[in-house]
Amino acid sequence: MHRHRRGGQPDRYPSGYGDGCYPVWIGRDAQGEVTCFVADMLVLSHAQRVP
């Protein structure tokens, strides 16, 4: 999901396994502006590596 806009309402999307706590990282540039937002929905916690 990628949106390039300022202000307004945040984008919404399903939250993995429902309501709960999910880790979030916010990346900022040298001027302190937000450049990325990463929310881990924890859906890959039981994933298996493909050979």
N, C-alpha and C. Protein backbone atom coordinates (compact mmCIF):
# COMPACT_ATOMS: atom_id res chain seq x y z
N MET A 1 0.84 -1.16 0.00
CA MET A 1 0.00 0.00 0.00
C MET A 1 0.90 1.23 0.00
N HIS A 2 0.67 2.13 -0.93
CA HIS A 2 1.52 3.32 -1.02
C HIS A 2 0.64 4.50 -1.37
N ARG A 3 0.67 5.50 -0.54
CA ARG A 3 -0.06 6.73 -0.82
C ARG A 3 0.89 7.90 -0.62
N HIS A 4 0.82 8.86 -1.49
CA HIS A 4 1.67 10.04 -1.36
C HIS A 4 0.76 11.23 -1.20
N ARG A 5 0.50 11.61 0.05
CA ARG A 5 -0.36 12.75 0.31
C ARG A 5 -0.04 13.32 1.68
N ARG A 6 -0.47 14.52 1.91
CA ARG A 6 -0.27 15.17 3.21
C ARG A 6 -1.64 15.48 3.82
N GLY A 7 -1.72 15.35 5.14
CA GLY A 7 -2.97 15.67 5.82
C GLY A 7 -4.05 14.63 5.56
N GLY A 8 -5.26 14.94 5.96
CA GLY A 8 -6.37 14.02 5.72
C GLY A 8 -6.35 12.82 6.65
N GLN A 9 -7.14 11.86 6.32
CA GLN A 9 -7.25 10.65 7.13
C GLN A 9 -6.17 9.64 6.77
N PRO A 10 -5.71 8.88 7.76
CA PRO A 10 -4.72 7.84 7.44
C PRO A 10 -5.36 6.71 6.65
N ASP A 11 -4.55 5.99 5.91
CA ASP A 11 -5.05 4.82 5.19
C ASP A 11 -5.38 3.74 6.20
N ARG A 12 -6.33 2.87 5.84
CA ARG A 12 -6.71 1.77 6.71
C ARG A 12 -6.56 0.46 5.96
N TYR A 13 -6.28 -0.60 6.71
CA TYR A 13 -6.12 -1.92 6.13
C TYR A 13 -6.36 -2.96 7.21
N PRO A 14 -6.64 -4.22 6.85
CA PRO A 14 -6.88 -5.26 7.86
C PRO A 14 -5.66 -5.42 8.77
N SER A 15 -5.91 -5.77 10.01
CA SER A 15 -4.82 -5.84 11.00
C SER A 15 -4.40 -7.27 11.33
N GLY A 16 -3.98 -8.00 10.34
CA GLY A 16 -3.43 -9.33 10.60
C GLY A 16 -4.43 -10.25 11.25
N TYR A 17 -4.24 -10.50 12.54
CA TYR A 17 -5.11 -11.43 13.26
C TYR A 17 -6.12 -10.70 14.13
N GLY A 18 -6.51 -9.50 13.79
CA GLY A 18 -7.54 -8.77 14.54
C GLY A 18 -6.95 -7.72 15.47
N ASP A 19 -7.80 -7.24 16.37
CA ASP A 19 -7.37 -6.22 17.32
C ASP A 19 -6.22 -6.72 18.17
N GLY A 20 -5.37 -5.83 18.55
CA GLY A 20 -4.22 -6.21 19.37
C GLY A 20 -3.11 -5.20 19.24
N CYS A 21 -1.92 -5.59 19.61
CA CYS A 21 -0.74 -4.72 19.55
C CYS A 21 0.18 -5.21 18.45
N TYR A 22 0.57 -4.31 17.58
CA TYR A 22 1.46 -4.63 16.47
C TYR A 22 2.62 -3.65 16.47
N PRO A 23 3.86 -4.14 16.27
CA PRO A 23 5.01 -3.23 16.25
C PRO A 23 4.97 -2.30 15.04
N VAL A 24 5.37 -1.05 15.26
CA VAL A 24 5.36 -0.02 14.22
C VAL A 24 6.70 0.71 14.23
N TRP A 25 7.23 0.96 13.04
CA TRP A 25 8.45 1.74 12.88
C TRP A 25 8.14 2.93 11.98
N ILE A 26 8.66 4.09 12.35
CA ILE A 26 8.47 5.30 11.55
C ILE A 26 9.85 5.80 11.16
N GLY A 27 10.09 5.91 9.85
CA GLY A 27 11.37 6.40 9.34
C GLY A 27 11.28 7.89 9.04
N ARG A 28 12.33 8.61 9.38
CA ARG A 28 12.37 10.06 9.14
C ARG A 28 13.64 10.44 8.39
N ASP A 29 13.55 11.53 7.63
CA ASP A 29 14.73 12.01 6.91
C ASP A 29 15.53 12.96 7.82
N ALA A 30 16.58 13.56 7.28
CA ALA A 30 17.46 14.42 8.07
C ALA A 30 16.74 15.64 8.64
N GLN A 31 15.65 16.07 8.01
CA GLN A 31 14.89 17.22 8.48
C GLN A 31 13.78 16.81 9.46
N GLY A 32 13.65 15.52 9.73
CA GLY A 32 12.64 15.05 10.67
C GLY A 32 11.30 14.73 10.05
N GLU A 33 11.19 14.85 8.73
CA GLU A 33 9.94 14.52 8.04
C GLU A 33 9.77 13.01 7.96
N VAL A 34 8.55 12.55 8.12
CA VAL A 34 8.27 11.12 8.02
C VAL A 34 8.43 10.69 6.57
N THR A 35 9.24 9.65 6.35
CA THR A 35 9.47 9.14 4.99
C THR A 35 8.91 7.75 4.79
N CYS A 36 8.68 7.01 5.89
CA CYS A 36 8.07 5.69 5.76
C CYS A 36 7.42 5.29 7.07
N PHE A 37 6.48 4.41 6.96
CA PHE A 37 5.73 3.90 8.10
C PHE A 37 5.58 2.40 7.88
N VAL A 38 6.10 1.60 8.80
CA VAL A 38 6.04 0.15 8.65
C VAL A 38 5.33 -0.42 9.86
N ALA A 39 4.24 -1.16 9.61
CA ALA A 39 3.51 -1.84 10.68
C ALA A 39 3.58 -3.34 10.42
N ASP A 40 4.13 -4.08 11.36
CA ASP A 40 4.25 -5.54 11.23
C ASP A 40 2.97 -6.18 11.74
N MET A 41 2.20 -6.77 10.84
CA MET A 41 0.92 -7.40 11.21
C MET A 41 1.10 -8.81 11.76
N LEU A 42 2.35 -9.25 11.90
CA LEU A 42 2.70 -10.52 12.52
C LEU A 42 2.07 -11.74 11.85
N VAL A 43 1.76 -11.63 10.55
CA VAL A 43 1.15 -12.76 9.85
C VAL A 43 2.17 -13.79 9.38
N LEU A 44 3.45 -13.46 9.43
CA LEU A 44 4.47 -14.40 8.97
C LEU A 44 5.20 -15.08 10.13
N SER A 45 4.66 -14.98 11.34
CA SER A 45 5.36 -15.55 12.50
C SER A 45 5.47 -17.07 12.42
N HIS A 46 4.60 -17.73 11.65
CA HIS A 46 4.66 -19.18 11.52
C HIS A 46 5.08 -19.62 10.12
N ALA A 47 5.64 -18.68 9.37
CA ALA A 47 6.06 -18.99 8.00
C ALA A 47 7.26 -19.93 8.01
N GLN A 48 7.34 -20.72 6.97
CA GLN A 48 8.47 -21.63 6.81
C GLN A 48 9.31 -21.19 5.63
N ARG A 49 10.61 -21.28 5.77
CA ARG A 49 11.52 -20.88 4.72
C ARG A 49 11.43 -21.86 3.55
N VAL A 50 11.37 -21.34 2.35
CA VAL A 50 11.32 -22.16 1.14
C VAL A 50 12.75 -22.43 0.69
N PRO A 51 13.10 -23.70 0.45
CA PRO A 51 14.48 -24.01 0.03
C PRO A 51 14.80 -23.49 -1.35
